[in-house]
Amino acid sequence: AGAAALGMGFTPTLALAGALSVPVALVLGRDYLCDP
């Protein structure tokens, strides 16, 4: 909603969310437990 209020279009908003989420997900993966 804030991106919309600032005039950011669909493409840059989702591209930014996706670009930020990939490295965060990779870092979080180091701490998952091994399950049977």
PDB file of all heavy atoms in Angstrom:
ATOM      1  N   ALA A   1       0.834  -1.204   0.000  1.00  0.00           N
ATOM      2  CA  ALA A   1       0.000   0.000   0.000  1.00  0.00           C
ATOM      3  C   ALA A   1       0.869   1.254   0.000  1.00  0.00           C
ATOM      4  O   ALA A   1       0.558   2.247  -0.684  1.00  0.00           O
ATOM      5  CB  ALA A   1      -0.918  -0.012   1.217  1.00  0.00           C
ATOM      6  N   GLY A   2       1.968   1.209   0.764  1.00  0.00           N
ATOM      7  CA  GLY A   2       2.870   2.355   0.788  1.00  0.00           C
ATOM      8  C   GLY A   2       3.529   2.587  -0.554  1.00  0.00           C
ATOM      9  O   GLY A   2       3.694   3.733  -0.999  1.00  0.00           O
ATOM     10  N   ALA A   3       3.900   1.488  -1.241  1.00  0.00           N
ATOM     11  CA  ALA A   3       4.492   1.626  -2.573  1.00  0.00           C
ATOM     12  C   ALA A   3       3.499   2.244  -3.542  1.00  0.00           C
ATOM     13  O   ALA A   3       3.864   3.077  -4.383  1.00  0.00           O
ATOM     14  CB  ALA A   3       4.940   0.258  -3.078  1.00  0.00           C
ATOM     15  N   ALA A   4       2.240   1.854  -3.417  1.00  0.00           N
ATOM     16  CA  ALA A   4       1.209   2.438  -4.278  1.00  0.00           C
ATOM     17  C   ALA A   4       1.049   3.928  -4.008  1.00  0.00           C
ATOM     18  O   ALA A   4       0.896   4.734  -4.935  1.00  0.00           O
ATOM     19  CB  ALA A   4      -0.122   1.709  -4.067  1.00  0.00           C
ATOM     20  N   ALA A   5       1.097   4.281  -2.721  1.00  0.00           N
ATOM     21  CA  ALA A   5       0.958   5.694  -2.365  1.00  0.00           C
ATOM     22  C   ALA A   5       2.125   6.527  -2.900  1.00  0.00           C
ATOM     23  O   ALA A   5       1.955   7.714  -3.219  1.00  0.00           O
ATOM     24  CB  ALA A   5       0.869   5.836  -0.845  1.00  0.00           C
ATOM     25  N   LEU A   6       3.295   5.904  -3.010  1.00  0.00           N
ATOM     26  CA  LEU A   6       4.466   6.610  -3.531  1.00  0.00           C
ATOM     27  C   LEU A   6       4.544   6.590  -5.056  1.00  0.00           C
ATOM     28  O   LEU A   6       5.478   7.142  -5.637  1.00  0.00           O
ATOM     29  CB  LEU A   6       5.749   5.981  -2.961  1.00  0.00           C
ATOM     30  CG  LEU A   6       5.963   6.144  -1.450  1.00  0.00           C
ATOM     31  CD1 LEU A   6       7.184   5.351  -1.000  1.00  0.00           C
ATOM     32  CD2 LEU A   6       6.119   7.624  -1.085  1.00  0.00           C
ATOM     33  N   GLY A   7       3.577   5.944  -5.676  1.00  0.00           N
ATOM     34  CA  GLY A   7       3.534   5.909  -7.132  1.00  0.00           C
ATOM     35  C   GLY A   7       4.357   4.801  -7.763  1.00  0.00           C
ATOM     36  O   GLY A   7       4.557   4.796  -8.979  1.00  0.00           O
ATOM     37  N   MET A   8       4.844   3.837  -6.978  1.00  0.00           N
ATOM     38  CA  MET A   8       5.590   2.712  -7.540  1.00  0.00           C
ATOM     39  C   MET A   8       4.636   1.772  -8.266  1.00  0.00           C
ATOM     40  O   MET A   8       3.563   1.442  -7.752  1.00  0.00           O
ATOM     41  CB  MET A   8       6.333   1.936  -6.441  1.00  0.00           C
ATOM     42  CG  MET A   8       7.523   2.661  -5.855  1.00  0.00           C
ATOM     43  SD  MET A   8       8.386   1.639  -4.611  1.00  0.00           S
ATOM     44  CE  MET A   8       8.972   0.287  -5.632  1.00  0.00           C
ATOM     45  N   GLY A   9       5.021   1.341  -9.433  1.00  0.00           N
ATOM     46  CA  GLY A   9       4.190   0.447 -10.203  1.00  0.00           C
ATOM     47  C   GLY A   9       4.272  -0.985  -9.724  1.00  0.00           C
ATOM     48  O   GLY A   9       5.016  -1.322  -8.800  1.00  0.00           O
ATOM     49  N   PHE A  10       3.516  -1.856 -10.383  1.00  0.00           N
ATOM     50  CA  PHE A  10       3.480  -3.263 -10.017  1.00  0.00           C
ATOM     51  C   PHE A  10       4.849  -3.920 -10.161  1.00  0.00           C
ATOM     52  O   PHE A  10       5.315  -4.612  -9.263  1.00  0.00           O
ATOM     53  CB  PHE A  10       2.449  -3.988 -10.895  1.00  0.00           C
ATOM     54  CG  PHE A  10       2.415  -5.472 -10.699  1.00  0.00           C
ATOM     55  CD1 PHE A  10       1.684  -6.028  -9.676  1.00  0.00           C
ATOM     56  CD2 PHE A  10       3.115  -6.317 -11.552  1.00  0.00           C
ATOM     57  CE1 PHE A  10       1.648  -7.408  -9.485  1.00  0.00           C
ATOM     58  CE2 PHE A  10       3.089  -7.691 -11.380  1.00  0.00           C
ATOM     59  CZ  PHE A  10       2.354  -8.239 -10.337  1.00  0.00           C
ATOM     60  N   THR A  11       5.504  -3.697 -11.296  1.00  0.00           N
ATOM     61  CA  THR A  11       6.775  -4.375 -11.577  1.00  0.00           C
ATOM     62  C   THR A  11       7.862  -4.041 -10.565  1.00  0.00           C
ATOM     63  O   THR A  11       8.469  -4.955  -9.982  1.00  0.00           O
ATOM     64  CB  THR A  11       7.244  -4.051 -12.997  1.00  0.00           C
ATOM     65  OG1 THR A  11       6.300  -4.588 -13.939  1.00  0.00           O
ATOM     66  CG2 THR A  11       8.614  -4.646 -13.278  1.00  0.00           C
ATOM     67  N   PRO A  12       8.167  -2.766 -10.302  1.00  0.00           N
ATOM     68  CA  PRO A  12       9.234  -2.488  -9.328  1.00  0.00           C
ATOM     69  C   PRO A  12       8.897  -2.945  -7.912  1.00  0.00           C
ATOM     70  O   PRO A  12       9.788  -3.366  -7.170  1.00  0.00           O
ATOM     71  CB  PRO A  12       9.408  -0.970  -9.402  1.00  0.00           C
ATOM     72  CG  PRO A  12       8.151  -0.449  -9.991  1.00  0.00           C
ATOM     73  CD  PRO A  12       7.650  -1.511 -10.907  1.00  0.00           C
ATOM     74  N   THR A  13       7.618  -2.883  -7.536  1.00  0.00           N
ATOM     75  CA  THR A  13       7.238  -3.300  -6.180  1.00  0.00           C
ATOM     76  C   THR A  13       7.498  -4.784  -5.976  1.00  0.00           C
ATOM     77  O   THR A  13       8.152  -5.202  -5.004  1.00  0.00           O
ATOM     78  CB  THR A  13       5.760  -2.994  -5.912  1.00  0.00           C
ATOM     79  OG1 THR A  13       5.514  -1.596  -6.103  1.00  0.00           O
ATOM     80  CG2 THR A  13       5.389  -3.366  -4.492  1.00  0.00           C
ATOM     81  N   LEU A  14       7.001  -5.625  -6.902  1.00  0.00           N
ATOM     82  CA  LEU A  14       7.194  -7.063  -6.749  1.00  0.00           C
ATOM     83  C   LEU A  14       8.642  -7.473  -6.998  1.00  0.00           C
ATOM     84  O   LEU A  14       9.150  -8.405  -6.358  1.00  0.00           O
ATOM     85  CB  LEU A  14       6.258  -7.829  -7.688  1.00  0.00           C
ATOM     86  CG  LEU A  14       5.017  -8.390  -6.962  1.00  0.00           C
ATOM     87  CD1 LEU A  14       4.081  -7.235  -6.592  1.00  0.00           C
ATOM     88  CD2 LEU A  14       4.300  -9.427  -7.789  1.00  0.00           C
ATOM     89  N   ALA A  15       9.303  -6.782  -7.917  1.00  0.00           N
ATOM     90  CA  ALA A  15      10.704  -7.106  -8.176  1.00  0.00           C
ATOM     91  C   ALA A  15      11.551  -6.850  -6.935  1.00  0.00           C
ATOM     92  O   ALA A  15      12.447  -7.645  -6.590  1.00  0.00           O
ATOM     93  CB  ALA A  15      11.221  -6.285  -9.355  1.00  0.00           C
ATOM     94  N   LEU A  16      11.268  -5.755  -6.233  1.00  0.00           N
ATOM     95  CA  LEU A  16      12.013  -5.446  -5.014  1.00  0.00           C
ATOM     96  C   LEU A  16      11.744  -6.487  -3.938  1.00  0.00           C
ATOM     97  O   LEU A  16      12.673  -6.965  -3.268  1.00  0.00           O
ATOM     98  CB  LEU A  16      11.627  -4.051  -4.514  1.00  0.00           C
ATOM     99  CG  LEU A  16      12.352  -3.565  -3.255  1.00  0.00           C
ATOM    100  CD1 LEU A  16      13.861  -3.505  -3.489  1.00  0.00           C
ATOM    101  CD2 LEU A  16      11.822  -2.197  -2.830  1.00  0.00           C
ATOM    102  N   ALA A  17      10.464  -6.877  -3.780  1.00  0.00           N
ATOM    103  CA  ALA A  17      10.120  -7.891  -2.778  1.00  0.00           C
ATOM    104  C   ALA A  17      10.801  -9.218  -3.090  1.00  0.00           C
ATOM    105  O   ALA A  17      11.342  -9.891  -2.201  1.00  0.00           O
ATOM    106  CB  ALA A  17       8.606  -8.068  -2.712  1.00  0.00           C
ATOM    107  N   GLY A  18      10.793  -9.603  -4.357  1.00  0.00           N
ATOM    108  CA  GLY A  18      11.419 -10.855  -4.737  1.00  0.00           C
ATOM    109  C   GLY A  18      12.928 -10.827  -4.571  1.00  0.00           C
ATOM    110  O   GLY A  18      13.533 -11.777  -4.068  1.00  0.00           O
ATOM    111  N   ALA A  19      13.550  -9.728  -4.986  1.00  0.00           N
ATOM    112  CA  ALA A  19      15.009  -9.620  -4.902  1.00  0.00           C
ATOM    113  C   ALA A  19      15.489  -9.637  -3.452  1.00  0.00           C
ATOM    114  O   ALA A  19      16.561 -10.175  -3.148  1.00  0.00           O
ATOM    115  CB  ALA A  19      15.472  -8.339  -5.593  1.00  0.00           C
ATOM    116  N   LEU A  20      14.716  -9.056  -2.550  1.00  0.00           N
ATOM    117  CA  LEU A  20      15.103  -9.051  -1.141  1.00  0.00           C
ATOM    118  C   LEU A  20      14.871 -10.407  -0.483  1.00  0.00           C
ATOM    119  O   LEU A  20      15.630 -10.824   0.403  1.00  0.00           O
ATOM    120  CB  LEU A  20      14.319  -7.974  -0.387  1.00  0.00           C
ATOM    121  CG  LEU A  20      14.655  -6.517  -0.719  1.00  0.00           C
ATOM    122  CD1 LEU A  20      13.721  -5.574   0.029  1.00  0.00           C
ATOM    123  CD2 LEU A  20      16.104  -6.205  -0.369  1.00  0.00           C
ATOM    124  N   SER A  21      13.823 -11.118  -0.905  1.00  0.00           N
ATOM    125  CA  SER A  21      13.452 -12.355  -0.229  1.00  0.00           C
ATOM    126  C   SER A  21      14.384 -13.513  -0.541  1.00  0.00           C
ATOM    127  O   SER A  21      14.587 -14.395   0.303  1.00  0.00           O
ATOM    128  CB  SER A  21      12.012 -12.743  -0.594  1.00  0.00           C
ATOM    129  OG  SER A  21      11.898 -13.054  -1.959  1.00  0.00           O
ATOM    130  N   VAL A  22      14.979 -13.535  -1.738  1.00  0.00           N
ATOM    131  CA  VAL A  22      15.838 -14.663  -2.119  1.00  0.00           C
ATOM    132  C   VAL A  22      17.053 -14.797  -1.199  1.00  0.00           C
ATOM    133  O   VAL A  22      17.282 -15.878  -0.624  1.00  0.00           O
ATOM    134  CB  VAL A  22      16.267 -14.570  -3.599  1.00  0.00           C
ATOM    135  CG1 VAL A  22      17.301 -15.636  -3.920  1.00  0.00           C
ATOM    136  CG2 VAL A  22      15.060 -14.720  -4.509  1.00  0.00           C
ATOM    137  N   PRO A  23      17.877 -13.759  -1.010  1.00  0.00           N
ATOM    138  CA  PRO A  23      19.033 -13.924  -0.114  1.00  0.00           C
ATOM    139  C   PRO A  23      18.638 -14.180   1.338  1.00  0.00           C
ATOM    140  O   PRO A  23      19.327 -14.929   2.045  1.00  0.00           O
ATOM    141  CB  PRO A  23      19.791 -12.598  -0.268  1.00  0.00           C
ATOM    142  CG  PRO A  23      18.799 -11.626  -0.799  1.00  0.00           C
ATOM    143  CD  PRO A  23      17.849 -12.418  -1.628  1.00  0.00           C
ATOM    144  N   VAL A  24      17.531 -13.572   1.783  1.00  0.00           N
ATOM    145  CA  VAL A  24      17.087 -13.820   3.162  1.00  0.00           C
ATOM    146  C   VAL A  24      16.728 -15.289   3.337  1.00  0.00           C
ATOM    147  O   VAL A  24      17.089 -15.932   4.340  1.00  0.00           O
ATOM    148  CB  VAL A  24      15.883 -12.917   3.508  1.00  0.00           C
ATOM    149  CG1 VAL A  24      15.316 -13.293   4.874  1.00  0.00           C
ATOM    150  CG2 VAL A  24      16.295 -11.447   3.502  1.00  0.00           C
ATOM    151  N   ALA A  25      16.016 -15.855   2.362  1.00  0.00           N
ATOM    152  CA  ALA A  25      15.633 -17.267   2.441  1.00  0.00           C
ATOM    153  C   ALA A  25      16.868 -18.168   2.448  1.00  0.00           C
ATOM    154  O   ALA A  25      16.915 -19.176   3.172  1.00  0.00           O
ATOM    155  CB  ALA A  25      14.718 -17.625   1.266  1.00  0.00           C
ATOM    156  N   LEU A  26      17.874 -17.823   1.663  1.00  0.00           N
ATOM    157  CA  LEU A  26      19.089 -18.631   1.626  1.00  0.00           C
ATOM    158  C   LEU A  26      19.810 -18.614   2.970  1.00  0.00           C
ATOM    159  O   LEU A  26      20.328 -19.639   3.429  1.00  0.00           O
ATOM    160  CB  LEU A  26      20.021 -18.122   0.524  1.00  0.00           C
ATOM    161  CG  LEU A  26      19.546 -18.361  -0.921  1.00  0.00           C
ATOM    162  CD1 LEU A  26      20.460 -17.638  -1.902  1.00  0.00           C
ATOM    163  CD2 LEU A  26      19.501 -19.854  -1.235  1.00  0.00           C
ATOM    164  N   VAL A  27      19.847 -17.462   3.623  1.00  0.00           N
ATOM    165  CA  VAL A  27      20.498 -17.351   4.928  1.00  0.00           C
ATOM    166  C   VAL A  27      19.724 -18.145   5.977  1.00  0.00           C
ATOM    167  O   VAL A  27      20.315 -18.870   6.799  1.00  0.00           O
ATOM    168  CB  VAL A  27      20.613 -15.872   5.343  1.00  0.00           C
ATOM    169  CG1 VAL A  27      21.069 -15.759   6.802  1.00  0.00           C
ATOM    170  CG2 VAL A  27      21.592 -15.141   4.431  1.00  0.00           C
ATOM    171  N   LEU A  28      18.401 -18.035   5.972  1.00  0.00           N
ATOM    172  CA  LEU A  28      17.585 -18.749   6.954  1.00  0.00           C
ATOM    173  C   LEU A  28      17.741 -20.259   6.823  1.00  0.00           C
ATOM    174  O   LEU A  28      17.637 -20.994   7.814  1.00  0.00           O
ATOM    175  CB  LEU A  28      16.106 -18.364   6.792  1.00  0.00           C
ATOM    176  CG  LEU A  28      15.730 -16.931   7.142  1.00  0.00           C
ATOM    177  CD1 LEU A  28      14.272 -16.656   6.816  1.00  0.00           C
ATOM    178  CD2 LEU A  28      15.999 -16.662   8.624  1.00  0.00           C
ATOM    179  N   GLY A  29      18.008 -20.741   5.618  1.00  0.00           N
ATOM    180  CA  GLY A  29      18.116 -22.173   5.386  1.00  0.00           C
ATOM    181  C   GLY A  29      19.237 -22.835   6.147  1.00  0.00           C
ATOM    182  O   GLY A  29      19.224 -24.064   6.335  1.00  0.00           O
ATOM    183  N   ARG A  30      20.193 -22.085   6.620  1.00  0.00           N
ATOM    184  CA  ARG A  30      21.326 -22.673   7.346  1.00  0.00           C
ATOM    185  C   ARG A  30      20.925 -23.202   8.713  1.00  0.00           C
ATOM    186  O   ARG A  30      21.615 -24.070   9.265  1.00  0.00           O
ATOM    187  CB  ARG A  30      22.429 -21.627   7.520  1.00  0.00           C
ATOM    188  CG  ARG A  30      23.005 -21.088   6.213  1.00  0.00           C
ATOM    189  CD  ARG A  30      24.109 -20.078   6.472  1.00  0.00           C
ATOM    190  NE  ARG A  30      23.643 -18.964   7.308  1.00  0.00           N
ATOM    191  CZ  ARG A  30      24.415 -17.965   7.719  1.00  0.00           C
ATOM    192  NH1 ARG A  30      25.713 -17.961   7.393  1.00  0.00           N
ATOM    193  NH2 ARG A  30      23.923 -16.989   8.462  1.00  0.00           N
ATOM    194  N   ASP A  31      19.815 -22.716   9.264  1.00  0.00           N
ATOM    195  CA  ASP A  31      19.465 -23.049  10.646  1.00  0.00           C
ATOM    196  C   ASP A  31      18.314 -24.048  10.774  1.00  0.00           C
ATOM    197  O   ASP A  31      17.876 -24.338  11.890  1.00  0.00           O
ATOM    198  CB  ASP A  31      19.097 -21.769  11.415  1.00  0.00           C
ATOM    199  CG  ASP A  31      20.293 -20.854  11.617  1.00  0.00           C
ATOM    200  OD1 ASP A  31      21.413 -21.384  11.727  1.00  0.00           O
ATOM    201  OD2 ASP A  31      20.108 -19.631  11.665  1.00  0.00           O
ATOM    202  N   TYR A  32      17.782 -24.556   9.683  1.00  0.00           N
ATOM    203  CA  TYR A  32      16.688 -25.521   9.779  1.00  0.00           C
ATOM    204  C   TYR A  32      17.184 -26.835  10.384  1.00  0.00           C
ATOM    205  O   TYR A  32      18.338 -27.233  10.191  1.00  0.00           O
ATOM    206  CB  TYR A  32      16.084 -25.803   8.401  1.00  0.00           C
ATOM    207  CG  TYR A  32      15.484 -24.596   7.721  1.00  0.00           C
ATOM    208  CD1 TYR A  32      15.601 -24.431   6.342  1.00  0.00           C
ATOM    209  CD2 TYR A  32      14.808 -23.625   8.437  1.00  0.00           C
ATOM    210  CE1 TYR A  32      15.060 -23.337   5.698  1.00  0.00           C
ATOM    211  CE2 TYR A  32      14.265 -22.510   7.811  1.00  0.00           C
ATOM    212  CZ  TYR A  32      14.396 -22.373   6.431  1.00  0.00           C
ATOM    213  OH  TYR A  32      13.863 -21.277   5.805  1.00  0.00           O
ATOM    214  N   LEU A  33      16.292 -27.525  11.080  1.00  0.00           N
ATOM    215  CA  LEU A  33      16.625 -28.813  11.672  1.00  0.00           C
ATOM    216  C   LEU A  33      16.504 -29.932  10.642  1.00  0.00           C
ATOM    217  O   LEU A  33      15.629 -29.904   9.781  1.00  0.00           O
ATOM    218  CB  LEU A  33      15.697 -29.122  12.843  1.00  0.00           C
ATOM    219  CG  LEU A  33      15.875 -28.325  14.133  1.00  0.00           C
ATOM    220  CD1 LEU A  33      14.900 -28.838  15.192  1.00  0.00           C
ATOM    221  CD2 LEU A  33      17.301 -28.417  14.648  1.00  0.00           C
ATOM    222  N   CYS A  34      17.354 -30.933  10.783  1.00  0.00           N
ATOM    223  CA  CYS A  34      17.252 -32.137   9.957  1.00  0.00           C
ATOM    224  C   CYS A  34      16.208 -33.040  10.587  1.00  0.00           C
ATOM    225  O   CYS A  34      16.293 -33.377  11.765  1.00  0.00           O
ATOM    226  CB  CYS A  34      18.599 -32.842   9.885  1.00  0.00           C
ATOM    227  SG  CYS A  34      18.609 -34.315   8.859  1.00  0.00           S
ATOM    228  N   ASP A  35      15.183 -33.415   9.807  1.00  0.00           N
ATOM    229  CA  ASP A  35      14.115 -34.251  10.344  1.00  0.00           C
ATOM    230  C   ASP A  35      14.172 -35.649   9.745  1.00  0.00           C
ATOM    231  O   ASP A  35      14.609 -35.827   8.608  1.00  0.00           O
ATOM    232  CB  ASP A  35      12.741 -33.626  10.096  1.00  0.00           C
ATOM    233  CG  ASP A  35      12.572 -33.115   8.699  1.00  0.00           C
ATOM    234  OD1 ASP A  35      13.581 -32.946   7.983  1.00  0.00           O
ATOM    235  OD2 ASP A  35      11.419 -32.884   8.301  1.00  0.00           O
ATOM    236  N   PRO A  36      13.709 -36.661  10.506  1.00  0.00           N
ATOM    237  CA  PRO A  36      13.699 -38.026   9.972  1.00  0.00           C
ATOM    238  C   PRO A  36      12.796 -38.118   8.757  1.00  0.00           C
ATOM    239  O   PRO A  36      11.793 -37.409   8.654  1.00  0.00           O
ATOM    240  CB  PRO A  36      13.128 -38.856  11.133  1.00  0.00           C
ATOM    241  CG  PRO A  36      13.354 -38.025  12.343  1.00  0.00           C
ATOM    242  CD  PRO A  36      13.244 -36.601  11.890  1.00  0.00           C
TER     243      PRO A  36
END
